[in-house]
Amino acid sequence: LPLLSNSASEHGPTIDNLMVISLVIIFFVQTITQFLLHYFAFK
């Protein structure tokens, strides 16, 4: 993810921080919901 580490403006790290938070939340929710969806279909 090079575009989350090589910002060249004063406000760049703030934008990157917002993007990282969004990605972490999306990844967490996607991981949990996909597991429950497929596991319940099996169980």
Full PDB file with SEQRES, HELIX, SHEET, SSBOND, CRYST1, ORIGX, SCALE, CONECT and MASTER records, all heavy atoms in Angstrom:
SEQRES   1 A   43  LEU PRO LEU LEU SER ASN SER ALA SER GLU HIS GLY PRO          
SEQRES   2 A   43  THR ILE ASP ASN LEU MET VAL ILE SER LEU VAL ILE ILE          
SEQRES   3 A   43  PHE PHE VAL GLN THR ILE THR GLN PHE LEU LEU HIS TYR          
SEQRES   4 A   43  PHE ALA PHE LYS                                              
HELIX    1 AA1 PRO A    2  LEU A    4  5                                   3    
HELIX    2 AA2 GLY A   12  PHE A   42  1                                  31    
CRYST1    1.000    1.000    1.000  90.00  90.00  90.00 P 1           1          
ORIGX1      1.000000  0.000000  0.000000        0.00000                         
ORIGX2      0.000000  1.000000  0.000000        0.00000                         
ORIGX3      0.000000  0.000000  1.000000        0.00000                         
SCALE1      1.000000  0.000000  0.000000        0.00000                         
SCALE2      0.000000  1.000000  0.000000        0.00000                         
SCALE3      0.000000  0.000000  1.000000        0.00000                         
ATOM      1  N   LEU A   1       0.821  -1.212   0.000  1.00  0.00           N  
ATOM      2  CA  LEU A   1       0.000   0.000   0.000  1.00  0.00           C  
ATOM      3  C   LEU A   1       0.860   1.269   0.000  1.00  0.00           C  
ATOM      4  O   LEU A   1       0.849   2.054   0.947  1.00  0.00           O  
ATOM      5  CB  LEU A   1      -0.925   0.002   1.232  1.00  0.00           C  
ATOM      6  CG  LEU A   1      -1.941  -1.146   1.292  1.00  0.00           C  
ATOM      7  CD1 LEU A   1      -2.695  -1.106   2.602  1.00  0.00           C  
ATOM      8  CD2 LEU A   1      -2.902  -1.097   0.133  1.00  0.00           C  
ATOM      9  N   PRO A   2       1.642   1.496  -1.062  1.00  0.00           N  
ATOM     10  CA  PRO A   2       2.554   2.647  -1.074  1.00  0.00           C  
ATOM     11  C   PRO A   2       1.861   3.985  -0.922  1.00  0.00           C  
ATOM     12  O   PRO A   2       2.410   4.906  -0.338  1.00  0.00           O  
ATOM     13  CB  PRO A   2       3.239   2.526  -2.452  1.00  0.00           C  
ATOM     14  CG  PRO A   2       2.284   1.719  -3.277  1.00  0.00           C  
ATOM     15  CD  PRO A   2       1.648   0.763  -2.333  1.00  0.00           C  
ATOM     16  N   LEU A   3       0.626   4.099  -1.398  1.00  0.00           N  
ATOM     17  CA  LEU A   3      -0.053   5.397  -1.319  1.00  0.00           C  
ATOM     18  C   LEU A   3      -0.559   5.716   0.085  1.00  0.00           C  
ATOM     19  O   LEU A   3      -1.191   6.730   0.300  1.00  0.00           O  
ATOM     20  CB  LEU A   3      -1.204   5.445  -2.322  1.00  0.00           C  
ATOM     21  CG  LEU A   3      -0.790   5.591  -3.783  1.00  0.00           C  
ATOM     22  CD1 LEU A   3      -2.008   5.691  -4.678  1.00  0.00           C  
ATOM     23  CD2 LEU A   3       0.098   6.806  -3.987  1.00  0.00           C  
ATOM     24  N   LEU A   4      -0.297   4.827   1.040  1.00  0.00           N  
ATOM     25  CA  LEU A   4      -0.627   5.130   2.423  1.00  0.00           C  
ATOM     26  C   LEU A   4       0.627   5.449   3.225  1.00  0.00           C  
ATOM     27  O   LEU A   4       0.609   5.487   4.443  1.00  0.00           O  
ATOM     28  CB  LEU A   4      -1.374   3.950   3.070  1.00  0.00           C  
ATOM     29  CG  LEU A   4      -2.755   3.647   2.483  1.00  0.00           C  
ATOM     30  CD1 LEU A   4      -3.398   2.492   3.224  1.00  0.00           C  
ATOM     31  CD2 LEU A   4      -3.651   4.865   2.573  1.00  0.00           C  
ATOM     32  N   SER A   5       1.730   5.642   2.545  1.00  0.00           N  
ATOM     33  CA  SER A   5       2.966   5.882   3.275  1.00  0.00           C  
ATOM     34  C   SER A   5       3.868   6.936   2.640  1.00  0.00           C  
ATOM     35  O   SER A   5       4.891   7.272   3.220  1.00  0.00           O  
ATOM     36  CB  SER A   5       3.761   4.568   3.398  1.00  0.00           C  
ATOM     37  OG  SER A   5       4.107   4.086   2.112  1.00  0.00           O  
ATOM     38  N   ASN A   6       3.512   7.443   1.472  1.00  0.00           N  
ATOM     39  CA  ASN A   6       4.420   8.372   0.790  1.00  0.00           C  
ATOM     40  C   ASN A   6       3.749   9.701   0.452  1.00  0.00           C  
ATOM     41  O   ASN A   6       4.005  10.291  -0.585  1.00  0.00           O  
ATOM     42  CB  ASN A   6       4.982   7.736  -0.489  1.00  0.00           C  
ATOM     43  CG  ASN A   6       3.884   7.368  -1.479  1.00  0.00           C  
ATOM     44  OD1 ASN A   6       2.713   7.615  -1.232  1.00  0.00           O  
ATOM     45  ND2 ASN A   6       4.271   6.783  -2.590  1.00  0.00           N  
ATOM     46  N   SER A   7       2.900  10.172   1.345  1.00  0.00           N  
ATOM     47  CA  SER A   7       2.270  11.467   1.100  1.00  0.00           C  
ATOM     48  C   SER A   7       3.325  12.565   1.162  1.00  0.00           C  
ATOM     49  O   SER A   7       4.286  12.488   1.925  1.00  0.00           O  
ATOM     50  CB  SER A   7       1.171  11.733   2.131  1.00  0.00           C  
ATOM     51  OG  SER A   7       1.710  11.795   3.433  1.00  0.00           O  
ATOM     52  N   ALA A   8       3.131  13.599   0.341  1.00  0.00           N  
ATOM     53  CA  ALA A   8       4.129  14.660   0.232  1.00  0.00           C  
ATOM     54  C   ALA A   8       3.527  16.033   0.510  1.00  0.00           C  
ATOM     55  O   ALA A   8       4.035  17.046   0.046  1.00  0.00           O  
ATOM     56  CB  ALA A   8       4.755  14.638  -1.162  1.00  0.00           C  
ATOM     57  N   SER A   9       2.432  16.062   1.266  1.00  0.00           N  
ATOM     58  CA  SER A   9       1.817  17.338   1.630  1.00  0.00           C  
ATOM     59  C   SER A   9       1.586  17.370   3.135  1.00  0.00           C  
ATOM     60  O   SER A   9       1.589  16.329   3.802  1.00  0.00           O  
ATOM     61  CB  SER A   9       0.487  17.533   0.887  1.00  0.00           C  
ATOM     62  OG  SER A   9      -0.453  16.554   1.288  1.00  0.00           O  
ATOM     63  N   GLU A  10       1.356  18.555   3.658  1.00  0.00           N  
ATOM     64  CA  GLU A  10       1.195  18.721   5.095  1.00  0.00           C  
ATOM     65  C   GLU A  10      -0.025  17.987   5.617  1.00  0.00           C  
ATOM     66  O   GLU A  10      -0.020  17.425   6.720  1.00  0.00           O  
ATOM     67  CB  GLU A  10       1.095  20.219   5.414  1.00  0.00           C  
ATOM     68  CG  GLU A  10       1.404  20.579   6.839  1.00  0.00           C  
ATOM     69  CD  GLU A  10       1.504  22.082   7.045  1.00  0.00           C  
ATOM     70  OE1 GLU A  10       0.434  22.747   7.114  1.00  0.00           O  
ATOM     71  OE2 GLU A  10       2.632  22.604   7.115  1.00  0.00           O  
ATOM     72  N   HIS A  11      -1.110  17.978   4.837  1.00  0.00           N  
ATOM     73  CA  HIS A  11      -2.329  17.310   5.293  1.00  0.00           C  
ATOM     74  C   HIS A  11      -2.373  15.839   4.897  1.00  0.00           C  
ATOM     75  O   HIS A  11      -3.301  15.123   5.280  1.00  0.00           O  
ATOM     76  CB  HIS A  11      -3.567  18.023   4.715  1.00  0.00           C  
ATOM     77  CG  HIS A  11      -3.768  17.784   3.246  1.00  0.00           C  
ATOM     78  ND1 HIS A  11      -3.319  18.652   2.280  1.00  0.00           N  
ATOM     79  CD2 HIS A  11      -4.338  16.758   2.556  1.00  0.00           C  
ATOM     80  CE1 HIS A  11      -3.626  18.194   1.091  1.00  0.00           C  
ATOM     81  NE2 HIS A  11      -4.241  17.046   1.220  1.00  0.00           N  
ATOM     82  N   GLY A  12      -1.369  15.359   4.135  1.00  0.00           N  
ATOM     83  CA  GLY A  12      -1.367  13.976   3.646  1.00  0.00           C  
ATOM     84  C   GLY A  12      -1.516  12.930   4.725  1.00  0.00           C  
ATOM     85  O   GLY A  12      -2.339  12.000   4.604  1.00  0.00           O  
ATOM     86  N   PRO A  13      -0.734  12.994   5.826  1.00  0.00           N  
ATOM     87  CA  PRO A  13      -0.873  11.980   6.885  1.00  0.00           C  
ATOM     88  C   PRO A  13      -2.274  11.904   7.477  1.00  0.00           C  
ATOM     89  O   PRO A  13      -2.722  10.827   7.875  1.00  0.00           O  
ATOM     90  CB  PRO A  13       0.161  12.436   7.936  1.00  0.00           C  
ATOM     91  CG  PRO A  13       1.184  13.184   7.157  1.00  0.00           C  
ATOM     92  CD  PRO A  13       0.414  13.899   6.078  1.00  0.00           C  
ATOM     93  N   THR A  14      -2.985  13.037   7.540  1.00  0.00           N  
ATOM     94  CA  THR A  14      -4.353  13.035   8.062  1.00  0.00           C  
ATOM     95  C   THR A  14      -5.277  12.242   7.139  1.00  0.00           C  
ATOM     96  O   THR A  14      -6.105  11.446   7.599  1.00  0.00           O  
ATOM     97  CB  THR A  14      -4.880  14.474   8.213  1.00  0.00           C  
ATOM     98  OG1 THR A  14      -3.962  15.238   8.987  1.00  0.00           O  
ATOM     99  CG2 THR A  14      -6.230  14.484   8.889  1.00  0.00           C  
ATOM    100  N   ILE A  15      -5.139  12.470   5.830  1.00  0.00           N  
ATOM    101  CA  ILE A  15      -5.919  11.711   4.852  1.00  0.00           C  
ATOM    102  C   ILE A  15      -5.583  10.225   4.945  1.00  0.00           C  
ATOM    103  O   ILE A  15      -6.472   9.363   4.927  1.00  0.00           O  
ATOM    104  CB  ILE A  15      -5.647  12.224   3.430  1.00  0.00           C  
ATOM    105  CG1 ILE A  15      -6.203  13.637   3.236  1.00  0.00           C  
ATOM    106  CG2 ILE A  15      -6.228  11.276   2.377  1.00  0.00           C  
ATOM    107  CD1 ILE A  15      -7.702  13.709   3.140  1.00  0.00           C  
ATOM    108  N   ASP A  16      -4.298   9.914   5.048  1.00  0.00           N  
ATOM    109  CA  ASP A  16      -3.873   8.512   5.144  1.00  0.00           C  
ATOM    110  C   ASP A  16      -4.421   7.854   6.397  1.00  0.00           C  
ATOM    111  O   ASP A  16      -4.822   6.680   6.379  1.00  0.00           O  
ATOM    112  CB  ASP A  16      -2.347   8.424   5.133  1.00  0.00           C  
ATOM    113  CG  ASP A  16      -1.756   8.798   3.785  1.00  0.00           C  
ATOM    114  OD1 ASP A  16      -2.530   8.914   2.817  1.00  0.00           O  
ATOM    115  OD2 ASP A  16      -0.525   8.970   3.688  1.00  0.00           O  
ATOM    116  N   ASN A  17      -4.435   8.598   7.504  1.00  0.00           N  
ATOM    117  CA  ASN A  17      -4.957   8.053   8.749  1.00  0.00           C  
ATOM    118  C   ASN A  17      -6.446   7.723   8.622  1.00  0.00           C  
ATOM    119  O   ASN A  17      -6.912   6.671   9.080  1.00  0.00           O  
ATOM    120  CB  ASN A  17      -4.748   9.060   9.880  1.00  0.00           C  
ATOM    121  CG  ASN A  17      -5.141   8.488  11.233  1.00  0.00           C  
ATOM    122  OD1 ASN A  17      -4.672   7.439  11.635  1.00  0.00           O  
ATOM    123  ND2 ASN A  17      -6.004   9.196  11.933  1.00  0.00           N  
ATOM    124  N   LEU A  18      -7.200   8.616   7.975  1.00  0.00           N  
ATOM    125  CA  LEU A  18      -8.624   8.375   7.731  1.00  0.00           C  
ATOM    126  C   LEU A  18      -8.815   7.137   6.857  1.00  0.00           C  
ATOM    127  O   LEU A  18      -9.701   6.308   7.104  1.00  0.00           O  
ATOM    128  CB  LEU A  18      -9.242   9.600   7.069  1.00  0.00           C  
ATOM    129  CG  LEU A  18     -10.729   9.524   6.693  1.00  0.00           C  
ATOM    130  CD1 LEU A  18     -11.584   9.286   7.918  1.00  0.00           C  
ATOM    131  CD2 LEU A  18     -11.167  10.794   5.979  1.00  0.00           C  
ATOM    132  N   MET A  19      -7.967   6.991   5.838  1.00  0.00           N  
ATOM    133  CA  MET A  19      -8.064   5.837   4.953  1.00  0.00           C  
ATOM    134  C   MET A  19      -7.730   4.542   5.684  1.00  0.00           C  
ATOM    135  O   MET A  19      -8.406   3.511   5.501  1.00  0.00           O  
ATOM    136  CB  MET A  19      -7.126   6.025   3.762  1.00  0.00           C  
ATOM    137  CG  MET A  19      -7.194   4.897   2.741  1.00  0.00           C  
ATOM    138  SD  MET A  19      -8.809   4.776   1.942  1.00  0.00           S  
ATOM    139  CE  MET A  19      -8.769   6.221   0.894  1.00  0.00           C  
ATOM    140  N   VAL A  20      -6.710   4.562   6.533  1.00  0.00           N  
ATOM    141  CA  VAL A  20      -6.322   3.363   7.281  1.00  0.00           C  
ATOM    142  C   VAL A  20      -7.447   2.932   8.213  1.00  0.00           C  
ATOM    143  O   VAL A  20      -7.776   1.743   8.303  1.00  0.00           O  
ATOM    144  CB  VAL A  20      -5.024   3.624   8.076  1.00  0.00           C  
ATOM    145  CG1 VAL A  20      -4.782   2.503   9.083  1.00  0.00           C  
ATOM    146  CG2 VAL A  20      -3.838   3.725   7.133  1.00  0.00           C  
ATOM    147  N   ILE A  21      -8.053   3.891   8.918  1.00  0.00           N  
ATOM    148  CA  ILE A  21      -9.166   3.564   9.814  1.00  0.00           C  
ATOM    149  C   ILE A  21     -10.312   2.922   9.031  1.00  0.00           C  
ATOM    150  O   ILE A  21     -10.890   1.908   9.452  1.00  0.00           O  
ATOM    151  CB  ILE A  21      -9.654   4.831  10.542  1.00  0.00           C  
ATOM    152  CG1 ILE A  21      -8.581   5.308  11.526  1.00  0.00           C  
ATOM    153  CG2 ILE A  21     -10.969   4.573  11.265  1.00  0.00           C  
ATOM    154  CD1 ILE A  21      -8.899   6.642  12.169  1.00  0.00           C  
ATOM    155  N   SER A  22     -10.648   3.497   7.874  1.00  0.00           N  
ATOM    156  CA  SER A  22     -11.730   2.949   7.044  1.00  0.00           C  
ATOM    157  C   SER A  22     -11.393   1.528   6.583  1.00  0.00           C  
ATOM    158  O   SER A  22     -12.248   0.630   6.630  1.00  0.00           O  
ATOM    159  CB  SER A  22     -11.982   3.852   5.837  1.00  0.00           C  
ATOM    160  OG  SER A  22     -12.351   5.151   6.234  1.00  0.00           O  
ATOM    161  N   LEU A  23     -10.158   1.310   6.133  1.00  0.00           N  
ATOM    162  CA  LEU A  23      -9.753  -0.007   5.650  1.00  0.00           C  
ATOM    163  C   LEU A  23      -9.776  -1.051   6.766  1.00  0.00           C  
ATOM    164  O   LEU A  23     -10.196  -2.196   6.558  1.00  0.00           O  
ATOM    165  CB  LEU A  23      -8.358   0.067   5.025  1.00  0.00           C  
ATOM    166  CG  LEU A  23      -8.249   0.791   3.675  1.00  0.00           C  
ATOM    167  CD1 LEU A  23      -6.789   0.911   3.261  1.00  0.00           C  
ATOM    168  CD2 LEU A  23      -9.040   0.054   2.603  1.00  0.00           C  
ATOM    169  N   VAL A  24      -9.322  -0.666   7.959  1.00  0.00           N  
ATOM    170  CA  VAL A  24      -9.313  -1.604   9.087  1.00  0.00           C  
ATOM    171  C   VAL A  24     -10.735  -2.013   9.448  1.00  0.00           C  
ATOM    172  O   VAL A  24     -11.025  -3.199   9.666  1.00  0.00           O  
ATOM    173  CB  VAL A  24      -8.599  -0.973  10.299  1.00  0.00           C  
ATOM    174  CG1 VAL A  24      -8.828  -1.816  11.559  1.00  0.00           C  
ATOM    175  CG2 VAL A  24      -7.102  -0.863  10.032  1.00  0.00           C  
ATOM    176  N   ILE A  25     -11.646  -1.038   9.514  1.00  0.00           N  
ATOM    177  CA  ILE A  25     -13.044  -1.347   9.848  1.00  0.00           C  
ATOM    178  C   ILE A  25     -13.666  -2.247   8.787  1.00  0.00           C  
ATOM    179  O   ILE A  25     -14.331  -3.248   9.100  1.00  0.00           O  
ATOM    180  CB  ILE A  25     -13.855  -0.047  10.007  1.00  0.00           C  
ATOM    181  CG1 ILE A  25     -13.379   0.723  11.240  1.00  0.00           C  
ATOM    182  CG2 ILE A  25     -15.347  -0.354  10.118  1.00  0.00           C  
ATOM    183  CD1 ILE A  25     -14.023   2.085  11.406  1.00  0.00           C  
ATOM    184  N   ILE A  26     -13.450  -1.896   7.519  1.00  0.00           N  
ATOM    185  CA  ILE A  26     -14.004  -2.701   6.423  1.00  0.00           C  
ATOM    186  C   ILE A  26     -13.440  -4.123   6.466  1.00  0.00           C  
ATOM    187  O   ILE A  26     -14.182  -5.109   6.314  1.00  0.00           O  
ATOM    188  CB  ILE A  26     -13.699  -2.044   5.063  1.00  0.00           C  
ATOM    189  CG1 ILE A  26     -14.490  -0.746   4.917  1.00  0.00           C  
ATOM    190  CG2 ILE A  26     -14.029  -2.982   3.909  1.00  0.00           C  
ATOM    191  CD1 ILE A  26     -14.078   0.096   3.720  1.00  0.00           C  
ATOM    192  N   PHE A  27     -12.126  -4.244   6.684  1.00  0.00           N  
ATOM    193  CA  PHE A  27     -11.506  -5.570   6.714  1.00  0.00           C  
ATOM    194  C   PHE A  27     -12.044  -6.395   7.884  1.00  0.00           C  
ATOM    195  O   PHE A  27     -12.349  -7.589   7.727  1.00  0.00           O  
ATOM    196  CB  PHE A  27      -9.988  -5.429   6.833  1.00  0.00           C  
ATOM    197  CG  PHE A  27      -9.259  -6.746   6.838  1.00  0.00           C  
ATOM    198  CD1 PHE A  27      -9.095  -7.466   5.669  1.00  0.00           C  
ATOM    199  CD2 PHE A  27      -8.752  -7.270   8.019  1.00  0.00           C  
ATOM    200  CE1 PHE A  27      -8.435  -8.687   5.675  1.00  0.00           C  
ATOM    201  CE2 PHE A  27      -8.093  -8.486   8.032  1.00  0.00           C  
ATOM    202  CZ  PHE A  27      -7.933  -9.194   6.844  1.00  0.00           C  
ATOM    203  N   PHE A  28     -12.195  -5.767   9.043  1.00  0.00           N  
ATOM    204  CA  PHE A  28     -12.700  -6.479  10.222  1.00  0.00           C  
ATOM    205  C   PHE A  28     -14.131  -6.958   9.985  1.00  0.00           C  
ATOM    206  O   PHE A  28     -14.461  -8.135  10.210  1.00  0.00           O  
ATOM    207  CB  PHE A  28     -12.635  -5.563  11.444  1.00  0.00           C  
ATOM    208  CG  PHE A  28     -13.252  -6.158  12.678  1.00  0.00           C  
ATOM    209  CD1 PHE A  28     -12.576  -7.113  13.416  1.00  0.00           C  
ATOM    210  CD2 PHE A  28     -14.515  -5.756  13.095  1.00  0.00           C  
ATOM    211  CE1 PHE A  28     -13.151  -7.668  14.556  1.00  0.00           C  
ATOM    212  CE2 PHE A  28     -15.102  -6.303  14.226  1.00  0.00           C  
ATOM    213  CZ  PHE A  28     -14.415  -7.267  14.963  1.00  0.00           C  
ATOM    214  N   VAL A  29     -14.988  -6.050   9.518  1.00  0.00           N  
ATOM    215  CA  VAL A  29     -16.395  -6.403   9.292  1.00  0.00           C  
ATOM    216  C   VAL A  29     -16.513  -7.470   8.209  1.00  0.00           C  
ATOM    217  O   VAL A  29     -17.278  -8.435   8.347  1.00  0.00           O  
ATOM    218  CB  VAL A  29     -17.204  -5.143   8.909  1.00  0.00           C  
ATOM    219  CG1 VAL A  29     -18.624  -5.524   8.479  1.00  0.00           C  
ATOM    220  CG2 VAL A  29     -17.244  -4.166  10.075  1.00  0.00           C  
ATOM    221  N   GLN A  30     -15.747  -7.315   7.122  1.00  0.00           N  
ATOM    222  CA  GLN A  30     -15.807  -8.294   6.038  1.00  0.00           C  
ATOM    223  C   GLN A  30     -15.366  -9.667   6.510  1.00  0.00           C  
ATOM    224  O   GLN A  30     -15.987 -10.690   6.182  1.00  0.00           O  
ATOM    225  CB  GLN A  30     -14.940  -7.821   4.875  1.00  0.00           C  
ATOM    226  CG  GLN A  30     -15.060  -8.648   3.611  1.00  0.00           C  
ATOM    227  CD  GLN A  30     -14.073  -9.793   3.534  1.00  0.00           C  
ATOM    228  OE1 GLN A  30     -13.135  -9.867   4.324  1.00  0.00           O  
ATOM    229  NE2 GLN A  30     -14.277 -10.692   2.592  1.00  0.00           N  
ATOM    230  N   THR A  31     -14.311  -9.725   7.310  1.00  0.00           N  
ATOM    231  CA  THR A  31     -13.794 -11.005   7.791  1.00  0.00           C  
ATOM    232  C   THR A  31     -14.822 -11.709   8.665  1.00  0.00           C  
ATOM    233  O   THR A  31     -15.088 -12.905   8.498  1.00  0.00           O  
ATOM    234  CB  THR A  31     -12.490 -10.793   8.582  1.00  0.00           C  
ATOM    235  OG1 THR A  31     -11.522 -10.166   7.739  1.00  0.00           O  
ATOM    236  CG2 THR A  31     -11.932 -12.121   9.064  1.00  0.00           C  
ATOM    237  N   ILE A  32     -15.420 -10.974   9.606  1.00  0.00           N  
ATOM    238  CA  ILE A  32     -16.392 -11.575  10.520  1.00  0.00           C  
ATOM    239  C   ILE A  32     -17.670 -11.987   9.796  1.00  0.00           C  
ATOM    240  O   ILE A  32     -18.169 -13.116   9.953  1.00  0.00           O  
ATOM    241  CB  ILE A  32     -16.726 -10.595  11.663  1.00  0.00           C  
ATOM    242  CG1 ILE A  32     -15.485 -10.261  12.481  1.00  0.00           C  
ATOM    243  CG2 ILE A  32     -17.820 -11.174  12.562  1.00  0.00           C  
ATOM    244  CD1 ILE A  32     -14.814 -11.454  13.124  1.00  0.00           C  
ATOM    245  N   THR A  33     -18.219 -11.086   8.977  1.00  0.00           N  
ATOM    246  CA  THR A  33     -19.495 -11.382   8.326  1.00  0.00           C  
ATOM    247  C   THR A  33     -19.371 -12.527   7.312  1.00  0.00           C  
ATOM    248  O   THR A  33     -20.280 -13.359   7.212  1.00  0.00           O  
ATOM    249  CB  THR A  33     -20.054 -10.138   7.616  1.00  0.00           C  
ATOM    250  OG1 THR A  33     -19.057  -9.610   6.725  1.00  0.00           O  
ATOM    251  CG2 THR A  33     -20.439  -9.074   8.630  1.00  0.00           C  
ATOM    252  N   GLN A  34     -18.265 -12.564   6.568  1.00  0.00           N  
ATOM    253  CA  GLN A  34     -18.088 -13.655   5.612  1.00  0.00           C  
ATOM    254  C   GLN A  34     -17.943 -14.996   6.321  1.00  0.00           C  
ATOM    255  O   GLN A  34     -18.464 -16.021   5.868  1.00  0.00           O  
ATOM    256  CB  GLN A  34     -16.867 -13.393   4.725  1.00  0.00           C  
ATOM    257  CG  GLN A  34     -17.046 -12.269   3.729  1.00  0.00           C  
ATOM    258  CD  GLN A  34     -18.194 -12.525   2.764  1.00  0.00           C  
ATOM    259  OE1 GLN A  34     -18.324 -13.611   2.200  1.00  0.00           O  
ATOM    260  NE2 GLN A  34     -19.034 -11.520   2.567  1.00  0.00           N  
ATOM    261  N   PHE A  35     -17.248 -14.989   7.464  1.00  0.00           N  
ATOM    262  CA  PHE A  35     -17.114 -16.238   8.233  1.00  0.00           C  
ATOM    263  C   PHE A  35     -18.481 -16.717   8.720  1.00  0.00           C  
ATOM    264  O   PHE A  35     -18.839 -17.893   8.573  1.00  0.00           O  
ATOM    265  CB  PHE A  35     -16.176 -16.033   9.421  1.00  0.00           C  
ATOM    266  CG  PHE A  35     -16.140 -17.213  10.357  1.00  0.00           C  
ATOM    267  CD1 PHE A  35     -15.401 -18.350  10.044  1.00  0.00           C  
ATOM    268  CD2 PHE A  35     -16.879 -17.206  11.536  1.00  0.00           C  
ATOM    269  CE1 PHE A  35     -15.386 -19.446  10.885  1.00  0.00           C  
ATOM    270  CE2 PHE A  35     -16.869 -18.306  12.385  1.00  0.00           C  
ATOM    271  CZ  PHE A  35     -16.115 -19.427  12.060  1.00  0.00           C  
ATOM    272  N   LEU A  36     -19.257 -15.805   9.311  1.00  0.00           N  
ATOM    273  CA  LEU A  36     -20.575 -16.189   9.817  1.00  0.00           C  
ATOM    274  C   LEU A  36     -21.489 -16.657   8.689  1.00  0.00           C  
ATOM    275  O   LEU A  36     -22.224 -17.645   8.834  1.00  0.00           O  
ATOM    276  CB  LEU A  36     -21.215 -15.002  10.551  1.00  0.00           C  
ATOM    277  CG  LEU A  36     -20.523 -14.573  11.857  1.00  0.00           C  
ATOM    278  CD1 LEU A  36     -21.195 -13.323  12.412  1.00  0.00           C  
ATOM    279  CD2 LEU A  36     -20.543 -15.699  12.879  1.00  0.00           C  
ATOM    280  N   LEU A  37     -21.455 -15.963   7.558  1.00  0.00           N  
ATOM    281  CA  LEU A  37     -22.302 -16.328   6.422  1.00  0.00           C  
ATOM    282  C   LEU A  37     -22.019 -17.748   5.955  1.00  0.00           C  
ATOM    283  O   LEU A  37     -22.949 -18.571   5.803  1.00  0.00           O  
ATOM    284  CB  LEU A  37     -22.068 -15.338   5.285  1.00  0.00           C  
ATOM    285  CG  LEU A  37     -22.782 -15.630   3.960  1.00  0.00           C  
ATOM    286  CD1 LEU A  37     -24.277 -15.497   4.132  1.00  0.00           C  
ATOM    287  CD2 LEU A  37     -22.286 -14.713   2.861  1.00  0.00           C  
ATOM    288  N   HIS A  38     -20.750 -18.068   5.741  1.00  0.00           N  
ATOM    289  CA  HIS A  38     -20.397 -19.389   5.222  1.00  0.00           C  
ATOM    290  C   HIS A  38     -20.506 -20.481   6.301  1.00  0.00           C  
ATOM    291  O   HIS A  38     -20.920 -21.610   6.010  1.00  0.00           O  
ATOM    292  CB  HIS A  38     -18.985 -19.367   4.650  1.00  0.00           C  
ATOM    293  CG  HIS A  38     -18.862 -18.569   3.394  1.00  0.00           C  
ATOM    294  ND1 HIS A  38     -18.794 -17.195   3.387  1.00  0.00           N  
ATOM    295  CD2 HIS A  38     -18.812 -18.954   2.082  1.00  0.00           C  
ATOM    296  CE1 HIS A  38     -18.702 -16.762   2.138  1.00  0.00           C  
ATOM    297  NE2 HIS A  38     -18.710 -17.803   1.338  1.00  0.00           N  
ATOM    298  N   TYR A  39     -20.149 -20.136   7.540  1.00  0.00           N  
ATOM    299  CA  TYR A  39     -20.212 -21.132   8.616  1.00  0.00           C  
ATOM    300  C   TYR A  39     -21.657 -21.522   8.911  1.00  0.00           C  
ATOM    301  O   TYR A  39     -21.973 -22.705   9.092  1.00  0.00           O  
ATOM    302  CB  TYR A  39     -19.538 -20.593   9.876  1.00  0.00           C  
ATOM    303  CG  TYR A  39     -19.657 -21.532  11.055  1.00  0.00           C  
ATOM    304  CD1 TYR A  39     -18.941 -22.722  11.090  1.00  0.00           C  
ATOM    305  CD2 TYR A  39     -20.510 -21.227  12.118  1.00  0.00           C  
ATOM    306  CE1 TYR A  39     -19.067 -23.602  12.162  1.00  0.00           C  
ATOM    307  CE2 TYR A  39     -20.643 -22.095  13.191  1.00  0.00           C  
ATOM    308  CZ  TYR A  39     -19.915 -23.280  13.213  1.00  0.00           C  
ATOM    309  OH  TYR A  39     -20.049 -24.146  14.273  1.00  0.00           O  
ATOM    310  N   PHE A  40     -22.559 -20.527   8.958  1.00  0.00           N  
ATOM    311  CA  PHE A  40     -23.959 -20.845   9.220  1.00  0.00           C  
ATOM    312  C   PHE A  40     -24.558 -21.665   8.083  1.00  0.00           C  
ATOM    313  O   PHE A  40     -25.402 -22.547   8.318  1.00  0.00           O  
ATOM    314  CB  PHE A  40     -24.764 -19.566   9.412  1.00  0.00           C  
ATOM    315  CG  PHE A  40     -24.550 -18.908  10.747  1.00  0.00           C  
ATOM    316  CD1 PHE A  40     -25.058 -17.655  11.013  1.00  0.00           C  
ATOM    317  CD2 PHE A  40     -23.814 -19.542  11.742  1.00  0.00           C  
ATOM    318  CE1 PHE A  40     -24.856 -17.042  12.242  1.00  0.00           C  
ATOM    319  CE2 PHE A  40     -23.599 -18.948  12.975  1.00  0.00           C  
ATOM    320  CZ  PHE A  40     -24.129 -17.690  13.227  1.00  0.00           C  
ATOM    321  N   ALA A  41     -24.141 -21.387   6.842  1.00  0.00           N  
ATOM    322  CA  ALA A  41     -24.631 -22.182   5.709  1.00  0.00           C  
ATOM    323  C   ALA A  41     -24.191 -23.640   5.848  1.00  0.00           C  
ATOM    324  O   ALA A  41     -24.909 -24.557   5.423  1.00  0.00           O  
ATOM    325  CB  ALA A  41     -24.115 -21.597   4.396  1.00  0.00           C  
ATOM    326  N   PHE A  42     -23.013 -23.853   6.449  1.00  0.00           N  
ATOM    327  CA  PHE A  42     -22.526 -25.227   6.661  1.00  0.00           C  
ATOM    328  C   PHE A  42     -23.193 -25.870   7.883  1.00  0.00           C  
ATOM    329  O   PHE A  42     -23.706 -26.995   7.806  1.00  0.00           O  
ATOM    330  CB  PHE A  42     -21.010 -25.210   6.851  1.00  0.00           C  
ATOM    331  CG  PHE A  42     -20.444 -26.519   7.339  1.00  0.00           C  
ATOM    332  CD1 PHE A  42     -20.313 -27.591   6.470  1.00  0.00           C  
ATOM    333  CD2 PHE A  42     -20.053 -26.667   8.660  1.00  0.00           C  
ATOM    334  CE1 PHE A  42     -19.804 -28.808   6.914  1.00  0.00           C  
ATOM    335  CE2 PHE A  42     -19.544 -27.876   9.109  1.00  0.00           C  
ATOM    336  CZ  PHE A  42     -19.412 -28.939   8.235  1.00  0.00           C  
ATOM    337  N   LYS A  43     -23.210 -25.169   9.015  1.00  0.00           N  
ATOM    338  CA  LYS A  43     -23.718 -25.736  10.261  1.00  0.00           C  
ATOM    339  C   LYS A  43     -25.217 -26.025  10.196  1.00  0.00           C  
ATOM    340  O   LYS A  43     -25.691 -27.047  10.704  1.00  0.00           O  
ATOM    341  CB  LYS A  43     -23.418 -24.788  11.420  1.00  0.00           C  
ATOM    342  CG  LYS A  43     -23.876 -25.329  12.787  1.00  0.00           C  
ATOM    343  CD  LYS A  43     -23.425 -24.420  13.900  1.00  0.00           C  
ATOM    344  CE  LYS A  43     -23.961 -24.898  15.248  1.00  0.00           C  
ATOM    345  NZ  LYS A  43     -23.521 -26.285  15.569  1.00  0.00           N  
TER     346      LYS A  43                                                      
MASTER        0    0    0    2    0    0    0    6  345    1    0    4          
END                                                                             
